[in-house]
Amino acid sequence: ASFIEWVQEQPYANNTAIVLTGDHLGMQTSYYNAKITEPSYSRTLYNVIINPAIRPVSTSSRLFSSFDMYPTTLAALGVQIEGDRLALGTNLFSDQPTLVEQYGNLENLNTELSKRSNFYEKNIFLAK
């Protein structure tokens, strides 16, 4: 928090996007298990973008994966992304559905991504 407050006090703060992304849940599992008493509560990663160069089309919650942070971070920096997609990610500031939204949930997306791809094996992996 101190670093973010410091950045926000600098003369360049109005022209600076701050992107914080979580890559794993807190590792103190026994602590969280003792503190979280609601059975339906699901722990999630913390992601926040402060002072982006773009505003979201909608402020509704989105289903997304780490793939989506790539185009979203670039969009937050002011990069124009044709089609609002890069690689497997979707710009979360747009109204384009993410792959998780298209497949309904992360489990379904993971199932699709784990399927064998002849194109990948022939053209990218260069299997014979």
C-alpha atoms as a PDB file:
ATOM      1  CA  ALA A   1       0.000   0.000   0.000  1.00  0.00           C
ATOM      2  CA  SER A   2       2.857   2.396   0.759  1.00  0.00           C
ATOM      3  CA  PHE A   3       4.332   2.015  -2.718  1.00  0.00           C
ATOM      4  CA  ILE A   4       0.991   2.725  -4.402  1.00  0.00           C
ATOM      5  CA  GLU A   5       0.428   5.764  -2.199  1.00  0.00           C
ATOM      6  CA  TRP A   6       3.930   6.988  -3.032  1.00  0.00           C
ATOM      7  CA  VAL A   7       3.324   6.590  -6.792  1.00  0.00           C
ATOM      8  CA  GLN A   8       0.016   8.429  -6.504  1.00  0.00           C
ATOM      9  CA  GLU A   9       1.820  11.386  -4.886  1.00  0.00           C
ATOM     10  CA  GLN A  10       4.322  11.719  -7.747  1.00  0.00           C
ATOM     11  CA  PRO A  11       3.950  14.334 -10.524  1.00  0.00           C
ATOM     12  CA  TYR A  12       3.569  11.570 -13.124  1.00  0.00           C
ATOM     13  CA  ALA A  13       0.771   9.788 -11.215  1.00  0.00           C
ATOM     14  CA  ASN A  14      -1.993  10.948 -13.568  1.00  0.00           C
ATOM     15  CA  ASN A  15      -0.132   9.339 -16.463  1.00  0.00           C
ATOM     16  CA  THR A  16       0.714   6.070 -14.692  1.00  0.00           C
ATOM     17  CA  ALA A  17      -1.323   2.886 -14.617  1.00  0.00           C
ATOM     18  CA  ILE A  18      -0.630   0.511 -11.740  1.00  0.00           C
ATOM     19  CA  VAL A  19      -1.369  -3.167 -12.389  1.00  0.00           C
ATOM     20  CA  LEU A  20      -1.312  -5.708  -9.556  1.00  0.00           C
ATOM     21  CA  THR A  21      -2.041  -9.332 -10.383  1.00  0.00           C
ATOM     22  CA  GLY A  22      -2.082 -12.366  -8.154  1.00  0.00           C
ATOM     23  CA  ASP A  23      -0.489 -15.547  -9.413  1.00  0.00           C
ATOM     24  CA  HIS A  24      -1.504 -17.854  -6.558  1.00  0.00           C
ATOM     25  CA  LEU A  25      -3.694 -17.947  -3.482  1.00  0.00           C
ATOM     26  CA  GLY A  26      -2.209 -17.138  -0.100  1.00  0.00           C
ATOM     27  CA  MET A  27      -0.252 -20.151   1.067  1.00  0.00           C
ATOM     28  CA  GLN A  28      -1.335 -20.045   4.714  1.00  0.00           C
ATOM     29  CA  THR A  29      -4.125 -22.571   4.072  1.00  0.00           C
ATOM     30  CA  SER A  30      -4.662 -23.526   7.714  1.00  0.00           C
ATOM     31  CA  TYR A  31      -5.026 -19.835   8.631  1.00  0.00           C
ATOM     32  CA  TYR A  32      -7.629 -19.218   5.931  1.00  0.00           C
ATOM     33  CA  ASN A  33      -9.486 -22.439   6.720  1.00  0.00           C
ATOM     34  CA  ALA A  34      -9.794 -21.312  10.341  1.00  0.00           C
ATOM     35  CA  LYS A  35     -10.928 -17.767   9.442  1.00  0.00           C
ATOM     36  CA  ILE A  36     -13.358 -18.540   6.620  1.00  0.00           C
ATOM     37  CA  THR A  37     -16.497 -20.041   8.114  1.00  0.00           C
ATOM     38  CA  GLU A  38     -18.880 -19.596   5.158  1.00  0.00           C
ATOM     39  CA  PRO A  39     -18.896 -22.963   3.297  1.00  0.00           C
ATOM     40  CA  SER A  40     -19.815 -21.404  -0.058  1.00  0.00           C
ATOM     41  CA  TYR A  41     -16.937 -18.881   0.066  1.00  0.00           C
ATOM     42  CA  SER A  42     -14.396 -19.448  -2.675  1.00  0.00           C
ATOM     43  CA  ARG A  43     -10.941 -17.926  -2.353  1.00  0.00           C
ATOM     44  CA  THR A  44      -9.804 -16.042  -5.443  1.00  0.00           C
ATOM     45  CA  LEU A  45      -6.772 -14.170  -6.706  1.00  0.00           C
ATOM     46  CA  TYR A  46      -6.465 -10.432  -6.196  1.00  0.00           C
ATOM     47  CA  ASN A  47      -6.209  -8.351  -9.360  1.00  0.00           C
ATOM     48  CA  VAL A  48      -6.519  -4.578  -9.586  1.00  0.00           C
ATOM     49  CA  ILE A  49      -5.764  -1.905 -12.167  1.00  0.00           C
ATOM     50  CA  ILE A  50      -5.422   1.608 -10.796  1.00  0.00           C
ATOM     51  CA  ASN A  51      -5.656   4.648 -13.084  1.00  0.00           C
ATOM     52  CA  PRO A  52      -6.005   2.861 -16.444  1.00  0.00           C
ATOM     53  CA  ALA A  53      -5.878   4.868 -19.683  1.00  0.00           C
ATOM     54  CA  ILE A  54      -9.220   3.322 -20.708  1.00  0.00           C
ATOM     55  CA  ARG A  55     -12.592   2.904 -19.027  1.00  0.00           C
ATOM     56  CA  PRO A  56     -14.505  -0.384 -19.047  1.00  0.00           C
ATOM     57  CA  VAL A  57     -17.533  -0.758 -21.314  1.00  0.00           C
ATOM     58  CA  SER A  58     -19.315  -2.334 -18.342  1.00  0.00           C
ATOM     59  CA  THR A  59     -18.631  -2.529 -14.624  1.00  0.00           C
ATOM     60  CA  SER A  60     -20.221  -5.974 -14.279  1.00  0.00           C
ATOM     61  CA  SER A  61     -18.147  -8.810 -12.866  1.00  0.00           C
ATOM     62  CA  ARG A  62     -16.399 -10.897 -15.512  1.00  0.00           C
ATOM     63  CA  LEU A  63     -15.300 -14.520 -15.668  1.00  0.00           C
ATOM     64  CA  PHE A  64     -11.676 -14.460 -16.759  1.00  0.00           C
ATOM     65  CA  SER A  65      -8.330 -16.230 -16.585  1.00  0.00           C
ATOM     66  CA  SER A  66      -4.717 -15.134 -16.466  1.00  0.00           C
ATOM     67  CA  PHE A  67      -4.724 -15.200 -20.308  1.00  0.00           C
ATOM     68  CA  ASP A  68      -6.889 -12.074 -20.194  1.00  0.00           C
ATOM     69  CA  MET A  69      -4.387 -10.044 -18.191  1.00  0.00           C
ATOM     70  CA  TYR A  70      -2.079  -9.732 -21.243  1.00  0.00           C
ATOM     71  CA  PRO A  71      -4.406  -7.660 -23.472  1.00  0.00           C
ATOM     72  CA  THR A  72      -6.051  -5.996 -20.467  1.00  0.00           C
ATOM     73  CA  THR A  73      -2.716  -4.692 -19.156  1.00  0.00           C
ATOM     74  CA  LEU A  74      -1.788  -3.327 -22.579  1.00  0.00           C
ATOM     75  CA  ALA A  75      -5.210  -1.661 -22.888  1.00  0.00           C
ATOM     76  CA  ALA A  76      -4.741  -0.138 -19.418  1.00  0.00           C
ATOM     77  CA  LEU A  77      -1.536   1.437 -20.746  1.00  0.00           C
ATOM     78  CA  GLY A  78      -3.431   2.953 -23.690  1.00  0.00           C
ATOM     79  CA  VAL A  79      -2.603   0.411 -26.395  1.00  0.00           C
ATOM     80  CA  GLN A  80      -5.369   0.039 -29.004  1.00  0.00           C
ATOM     81  CA  ILE A  81      -6.072  -3.666 -29.566  1.00  0.00           C
ATOM     82  CA  GLU A  82      -7.856  -4.544 -32.792  1.00  0.00           C
ATOM     83  CA  GLY A  83     -10.657  -6.967 -31.955  1.00  0.00           C
ATOM     84  CA  ASP A  84      -9.825  -6.692 -28.223  1.00  0.00           C
ATOM     85  CA  ARG A  85      -8.060 -10.070 -28.255  1.00  0.00           C
ATOM     86  CA  LEU A  86      -4.407 -11.106 -28.121  1.00  0.00           C
ATOM     87  CA  ALA A  87      -3.287 -14.744 -28.068  1.00  0.00           C
ATOM     88  CA  LEU A  88      -5.848 -16.516 -25.833  1.00  0.00           C
ATOM     89  CA  GLY A  89      -6.708 -13.378 -23.866  1.00  0.00           C
ATOM     90  CA  THR A  90      -9.495 -10.826 -24.099  1.00  0.00           C
ATOM     91  CA  ASN A  91      -9.271  -7.169 -23.129  1.00  0.00           C
ATOM     92  CA  LEU A  92     -11.449  -7.038 -19.996  1.00  0.00           C
ATOM     93  CA  PHE A  93     -12.213  -3.359 -20.613  1.00  0.00           C
ATOM     94  CA  SER A  94     -14.136  -4.422 -23.742  1.00  0.00           C
ATOM     95  CA  ASP A  95     -17.458  -6.182 -24.175  1.00  0.00           C
ATOM     96  CA  GLN A  96     -15.863  -9.151 -25.951  1.00  0.00           C
ATOM     97  CA  PRO A  97     -16.486 -12.432 -24.110  1.00  0.00           C
ATOM     98  CA  THR A  98     -13.466 -14.116 -22.557  1.00  0.00           C
ATOM     99  CA  LEU A  99     -12.755 -17.772 -23.259  1.00  0.00           C
ATOM    100  CA  VAL A 100     -13.953 -18.617 -19.737  1.00  0.00           C
ATOM    101  CA  GLU A 101     -17.222 -16.799 -20.471  1.00  0.00           C
ATOM    102  CA  GLN A 102     -17.545 -18.561 -23.832  1.00  0.00           C
ATOM    103  CA  TYR A 103     -17.013 -22.016 -22.322  1.00  0.00           C
ATOM    104  CA  GLY A 104     -19.073 -21.297 -19.203  1.00  0.00           C
ATOM    105  CA  ASN A 105     -16.378 -21.859 -16.586  1.00  0.00           C
ATOM    106  CA  LEU A 106     -12.664 -22.454 -16.127  1.00  0.00           C
ATOM    107  CA  GLU A 107     -13.037 -26.239 -15.914  1.00  0.00           C
ATOM    108  CA  ASN A 108     -14.663 -26.387 -19.370  1.00  0.00           C
ATOM    109  CA  LEU A 109     -11.974 -24.127 -20.822  1.00  0.00           C
ATOM    110  CA  ASN A 110      -9.221 -26.291 -19.322  1.00  0.00           C
ATOM    111  CA  THR A 111     -10.864 -29.376 -20.850  1.00  0.00           C
ATOM    112  CA  GLU A 112     -10.820 -27.739 -24.284  1.00  0.00           C
ATOM    113  CA  LEU A 113      -7.230 -26.549 -23.924  1.00  0.00           C
ATOM    114  CA  SER A 114      -6.031 -30.020 -22.955  1.00  0.00           C
ATOM    115  CA  LYS A 115      -7.392 -31.629 -26.126  1.00  0.00           C
ATOM    116  CA  ARG A 116      -4.969 -32.893 -28.730  1.00  0.00           C
ATOM    117  CA  SER A 117      -4.371 -30.541 -31.670  1.00  0.00           C
ATOM    118  CA  ASN A 118      -3.061 -31.884 -34.968  1.00  0.00           C
ATOM    119  CA  PHE A 119      -2.424 -28.307 -36.132  1.00  0.00           C
ATOM    120  CA  TYR A 120      -0.324 -27.559 -33.043  1.00  0.00           C
ATOM    121  CA  GLU A 121       1.653 -30.780 -33.302  1.00  0.00           C
ATOM    122  CA  LYS A 122       2.360 -30.313 -37.017  1.00  0.00           C
ATOM    123  CA  ASN A 123       2.943 -26.552 -37.248  1.00  0.00           C
ATOM    124  CA  ILE A 124       4.144 -25.414 -33.843  1.00  0.00           C
ATOM    125  CA  PHE A 125       5.567 -28.424 -32.032  1.00  0.00           C
ATOM    126  CA  LEU A 126       6.925 -29.656 -35.392  1.00  0.00           C
ATOM    127  CA  ALA A 127       6.128 -33.279 -34.654  1.00  0.00           C
ATOM    128  CA  LYS A 128       6.598 -35.698 -37.515  1.00  0.00           C
END
